[in-house]
Protein backbone atom coordinates (compact mmCIF):
# COMPACT_ATOMS: atom_id res chain seq x y z
CA UNK A 1 143.14 35.71 -44.11
CA UNK A 2 142.96 38.48 -42.35
CA UNK A 3 141.40 41.75 -43.85
CA UNK A 4 143.90 44.63 -45.13
CA UNK A 5 144.48 47.14 -42.34
CA UNK A 6 145.29 43.55 -39.50
CA UNK A 7 147.69 42.33 -41.85
CA UNK A 8 149.05 46.61 -42.53
CA UNK A 9 149.25 46.02 -38.96
CA UNK A 10 151.45 43.36 -38.89
CA UNK A 11 153.54 45.91 -41.63
CA UNK A 12 153.18 42.98 -44.33
CA UNK A 13 149.44 44.33 -46.27
CA UNK A 14 150.02 42.33 -49.22
CA UNK A 15 148.41 38.74 -49.23
CA UNK A 16 151.57 36.48 -50.56
CA UNK A 17 153.98 38.55 -48.51
CA UNK A 18 151.64 38.19 -45.57
CA UNK A 19 151.35 34.13 -46.01
CA UNK A 20 154.64 33.55 -47.36
CA UNK A 21 156.66 35.37 -44.86
CA UNK A 22 154.36 34.09 -41.43
CA UNK A 23 155.57 30.45 -42.87
CA UNK A 24 159.64 31.79 -43.39
CA UNK A 25 159.24 33.22 -39.99
CA UNK A 26 158.38 30.02 -38.16
CA UNK A 27 160.87 28.18 -39.78
CA UNK A 28 163.38 30.20 -38.95
CA UNK A 29 162.44 30.34 -35.25
CA UNK A 30 161.72 26.11 -34.97
CA UNK A 31 166.00 26.74 -36.77
CA UNK A 32 166.93 28.67 -33.80
CA UNK A 33 165.25 26.90 -31.61
CA UNK A 34 167.34 23.80 -32.27
CA UNK A 35 170.60 25.79 -32.71
CA UNK A 36 169.42 27.07 -28.69
CA UNK A 37 169.51 22.74 -27.26
CA UNK A 38 165.42 22.55 -27.27
CA UNK A 39 163.94 20.36 -29.47
CA UNK A 40 160.40 19.97 -29.96
CA UNK A 41 160.07 18.08 -28.12
CA UNK A 42 160.55 19.60 -25.44
CA UNK A 43 157.74 22.73 -26.15
CA UNK A 44 154.75 22.23 -23.37
CA UNK A 45 153.25 25.62 -23.13
CA UNK A 46 154.56 27.65 -26.65
CA UNK A 47 153.96 31.87 -26.48
CA UNK A 48 153.52 34.38 -29.21
CA UNK A 49 154.25 37.47 -26.72
CA UNK A 50 153.19 41.07 -29.36
CA UNK A 51 150.79 37.67 -31.39
CA UNK A 52 148.41 40.67 -33.80
CA UNK A 53 145.73 38.43 -35.47
CA UNK A 54 148.16 35.12 -35.21
CA UNK A 55 150.08 35.62 -38.15
CA UNK A 56 152.63 33.38 -36.89
CA UNK A 57 151.85 30.92 -34.96
CA UNK A 58 149.85 28.16 -36.63
CA UNK A 59 152.72 28.53 -38.58
CA UNK A 60 155.03 27.49 -35.96
CA UNK A 61 151.74 26.08 -33.95
CA UNK A 62 152.12 23.03 -36.83
CA UNK A 63 155.32 22.16 -36.16
CA UNK A 64 154.93 21.26 -32.99
CA UNK A 65 151.31 19.48 -32.34
CA UNK A 66 151.66 18.32 -29.31
CA UNK A 67 152.10 21.81 -27.37
CA UNK A 68 150.20 24.47 -26.81
CA UNK A 69 149.74 27.76 -27.94
CA UNK A 70 149.02 31.33 -26.55
CA UNK A 71 148.46 34.30 -28.69
CA UNK A 72 148.74 38.23 -27.10
CA UNK A 73 148.95 41.09 -28.29
CA UNK A 74 147.48 44.80 -27.93
CA UNK A 75 144.57 44.64 -30.50
CA UNK A 76 141.51 43.65 -29.68
CA UNK A 77 140.62 43.45 -33.20
CA UNK A 78 143.74 41.21 -34.16
CA UNK A 79 142.93 38.92 -31.35
CA UNK A 80 139.05 39.02 -31.75
CA UNK A 81 139.93 38.41 -35.48
CA UNK A 82 142.60 35.27 -34.47
CA UNK A 83 139.89 33.97 -31.39
CA UNK A 84 137.75 32.91 -33.62
CA UNK A 85 139.41 32.47 -37.38
CA UNK A 86 142.10 29.54 -34.67
CA UNK A 87 139.58 28.51 -31.51
CA UNK A 88 142.66 25.42 -31.19
CA UNK A 89 144.86 28.35 -30.11
CA UNK A 90 144.13 30.73 -26.79
CA UNK A 91 143.81 34.57 -27.62
CA UNK A 92 143.88 37.44 -25.49
CA UNK A 93 144.17 40.70 -24.90
CA UNK A 94 147.44 42.64 -23.63
CA UNK A 95 147.99 46.26 -21.71
CA UNK A 96 150.65 48.48 -24.09
CA UNK A 97 152.73 47.85 -20.12
CA UNK A 98 152.79 44.88 -17.79
CA UNK A 99 151.54 42.50 -16.24
CA UNK A 100 151.35 39.96 -19.00
CA UNK A 101 147.74 37.59 -17.85
CA UNK A 102 149.89 35.06 -17.28
CA UNK A 103 151.06 33.02 -13.72
CA UNK A 104 154.47 33.08 -13.02
CA UNK A 105 156.45 30.19 -15.01
CA UNK A 106 153.41 29.49 -17.16
CA UNK A 107 155.94 29.11 -20.67
CA UNK A 108 158.89 26.91 -21.67
CA UNK A 109 159.06 29.09 -24.47
CA UNK A 110 158.28 32.36 -24.89
CA UNK A 111 158.61 34.19 -28.65
CA UNK A 112 158.19 37.99 -30.05
CA UNK A 113 158.91 39.22 -33.50
CA UNK A 114 158.33 43.21 -34.18
CA UNK A 115 158.05 43.88 -30.37
CA UNK A 116 161.55 45.26 -29.19
CA UNK A 117 162.42 46.75 -32.19
CA UNK A 118 160.04 49.68 -31.56
CA UNK A 119 160.23 49.74 -28.11
CA UNK A 120 161.95 52.88 -25.54
CA UNK A 121 164.66 51.27 -23.34
CA UNK A 122 162.32 52.30 -20.25
CA UNK A 123 159.64 50.41 -21.87
CA UNK A 124 162.51 47.83 -23.24
CA UNK A 125 163.26 46.90 -19.06
CA UNK A 126 159.81 46.12 -17.91
CA UNK A 127 158.65 43.82 -20.12
CA UNK A 128 161.73 42.14 -20.17
CA UNK A 129 161.83 41.78 -16.38
CA UNK A 130 157.80 40.39 -17.14
CA UNK A 131 159.02 37.57 -19.98
CA UNK A 132 161.81 36.68 -16.79
CA UNK A 133 158.37 36.71 -14.88
CA UNK A 134 156.59 34.12 -16.78
CA UNK A 135 159.48 31.78 -18.27
CA UNK A 136 159.60 28.71 -16.06
CA UNK A 137 162.72 27.35 -14.82
CA UNK A 138 165.38 26.48 -18.09
CA UNK A 139 162.58 27.47 -20.31
CA UNK A 140 163.41 29.75 -23.36
CA UNK A 141 162.62 32.91 -25.87
CA UNK A 142 163.57 33.90 -29.18
CA UNK A 143 163.37 38.15 -29.37
CA UNK A 144 163.78 40.00 -32.14
CA UNK A 145 165.82 43.43 -32.50
CA UNK A 146 166.78 45.91 -35.26
CA UNK A 147 170.32 45.52 -35.14
CA UNK A 148 173.10 47.18 -36.96
CA UNK A 149 172.52 45.91 -40.39
CA UNK A 150 169.11 47.17 -40.14
CA UNK A 151 169.79 50.34 -38.36
CA UNK A 152 172.37 51.00 -41.74
CA UNK A 153 170.00 50.59 -43.27
CA UNK A 154 167.28 53.66 -42.42
CA UNK A 155 171.35 55.56 -42.51
CA UNK A 156 171.84 54.82 -46.08
CA UNK A 157 168.22 55.51 -47.28
CA UNK A 158 167.88 51.91 -48.66
CA UNK A 159 165.04 51.67 -45.64
CA UNK A 160 162.96 54.46 -45.16
CA UNK A 161 159.32 55.56 -42.53
CA UNK A 162 157.32 59.23 -42.76
CA UNK A 163 156.85 58.04 -38.56
CA UNK A 164 160.29 59.22 -38.07
CA UNK A 165 162.22 61.67 -38.65
CA UNK A 166 164.58 61.64 -41.51
CA UNK A 167 167.17 63.00 -39.21
CA UNK A 168 167.73 60.83 -36.51
CA UNK A 169 169.42 59.40 -39.27
CA UNK A 170 171.79 61.88 -40.24
CA UNK A 171 175.12 60.28 -38.07
CA UNK A 172 177.55 57.49 -38.33
CA UNK A 173 177.03 54.22 -37.78
CA UNK A 174 175.39 51.73 -34.35
CA UNK A 175 178.21 51.00 -32.06
CA UNK A 176 178.43 47.95 -30.74
CA UNK A 177 178.01 49.48 -26.92
CA UNK A 178 174.31 51.40 -28.30
CA UNK A 179 171.15 52.02 -27.58
CA UNK A 180 169.00 54.01 -30.58
CA UNK A 181 165.06 54.50 -30.43
CA UNK A 182 163.48 57.51 -32.76
CA UNK A 183 160.14 58.39 -32.02
CA UNK A 184 157.08 57.94 -34.02
CA UNK A 185 155.28 60.75 -35.31
CA UNK A 186 151.41 60.61 -34.09
CA UNK A 187 149.16 61.74 -36.88
CA UNK A 188 146.10 61.46 -37.72
CA UNK A 189 147.49 58.59 -41.02
CA UNK A 190 148.32 56.31 -38.95
CA UNK A 191 146.29 56.39 -35.97
CA UNK A 192 144.53 53.66 -36.92
CA UNK A 193 147.34 51.84 -37.75
CA UNK A 194 148.72 51.47 -34.07
CA UNK A 195 145.45 50.91 -31.41
CA UNK A 196 146.68 49.56 -28.42
CA UNK A 197 150.01 51.73 -28.38
CA UNK A 198 150.96 54.43 -26.00
CA UNK A 199 154.15 57.02 -25.79
CA UNK A 200 157.75 54.96 -25.95
CA UNK A 201 156.69 53.27 -29.30
CA UNK A 202 158.35 53.77 -32.66
CA UNK A 203 161.88 52.05 -34.01
CA UNK A 204 164.66 50.80 -31.79
CA UNK A 205 168.72 49.75 -32.55
CA UNK A 206 170.22 47.19 -30.67
CA UNK A 207 173.63 47.55 -30.37
CA UNK A 208 175.20 43.44 -30.03
CA UNK A 209 177.38 44.75 -26.74
CA UNK A 210 174.28 46.82 -25.41
CA UNK A 211 171.82 43.85 -25.50
CA UNK A 212 174.37 41.54 -24.12
CA UNK A 213 174.98 43.98 -20.72
CA UNK A 214 171.95 45.49 -20.26
CA UNK A 215 169.24 42.03 -21.31
CA UNK A 216 171.58 40.57 -19.25
CA UNK A 217 169.67 42.34 -15.95
CA UNK A 218 166.51 40.60 -16.54
CA UNK A 219 167.59 38.17 -18.48
CA UNK A 220 170.51 35.32 -19.62
CA UNK A 221 171.98 36.40 -23.45
CA UNK A 222 172.35 33.06 -24.73
CA UNK A 223 172.91 34.40 -28.27
CA UNK A 224 173.04 36.82 -30.82
CA UNK A 225 171.23 35.16 -34.19
CA UNK A 226 172.34 38.44 -36.81
CA UNK A 227 168.59 39.05 -39.33
CA UNK A 228 167.72 35.44 -38.22
CA UNK A 229 164.28 36.20 -38.85
CA UNK A 230 163.60 37.35 -42.52
CA UNK A 231 166.76 38.94 -43.05
CA UNK A 232 166.02 41.68 -41.38
CA UNK A 233 165.71 41.79 -38.13
CA UNK A 234 168.13 39.96 -35.40
CA UNK A 235 167.41 37.20 -32.94
CA UNK A 236 168.58 37.55 -28.98
CA UNK A 237 168.62 33.61 -27.50
CA UNK A 238 167.84 34.05 -23.73
CA UNK A 239 167.31 32.34 -20.75
CA UNK A 240 165.49 33.35 -17.26
């Protein structure tokens, strides 16, 4: 079990929530992959993009034991911890900006949880292009985003964060073609929780029509599944 500080960086400091949520997320990714027409026998090289200390990756690896799994993250301490405690998987520290330390067409599945839900549009576009570079032909990307339902939770006050100005949500619902980015306010209180993070990081919200139109410049959007990760974030199913 990672120390509390590493769990908190994943947004889940409580031990029980950390473990149970990770198993649930792995099962939901597995089910989403099946919905995309991919069976586990088709997976050989898998990347967790934004793996943290390896919260979800070991659970998914247990469901697909024949595949090789790699996790990458900007958090050096989290990657060091995962390397020590999950030595059967590969772990790489990545930079806040592309490229990733992998050859082109290295993976037939790339998934990310709570990465694109935090990037501004400039960063998002560059990372989408980078994921296209490392996906093999016919590969699949499962990428989580905050959709309209998550935005509504913040707008109505059911979800809150002290890191963003409340006035950013004093507006109407997120439209289908909208992308809304609310930057985090940096302080001494959250600096340690955001290691390796640069500018252009906060809360991002994606309208479904926006994803289909804008993301298609980098990846083919096959399907968008609402609240498919732990009942909170949407999953976008993409191909290069």
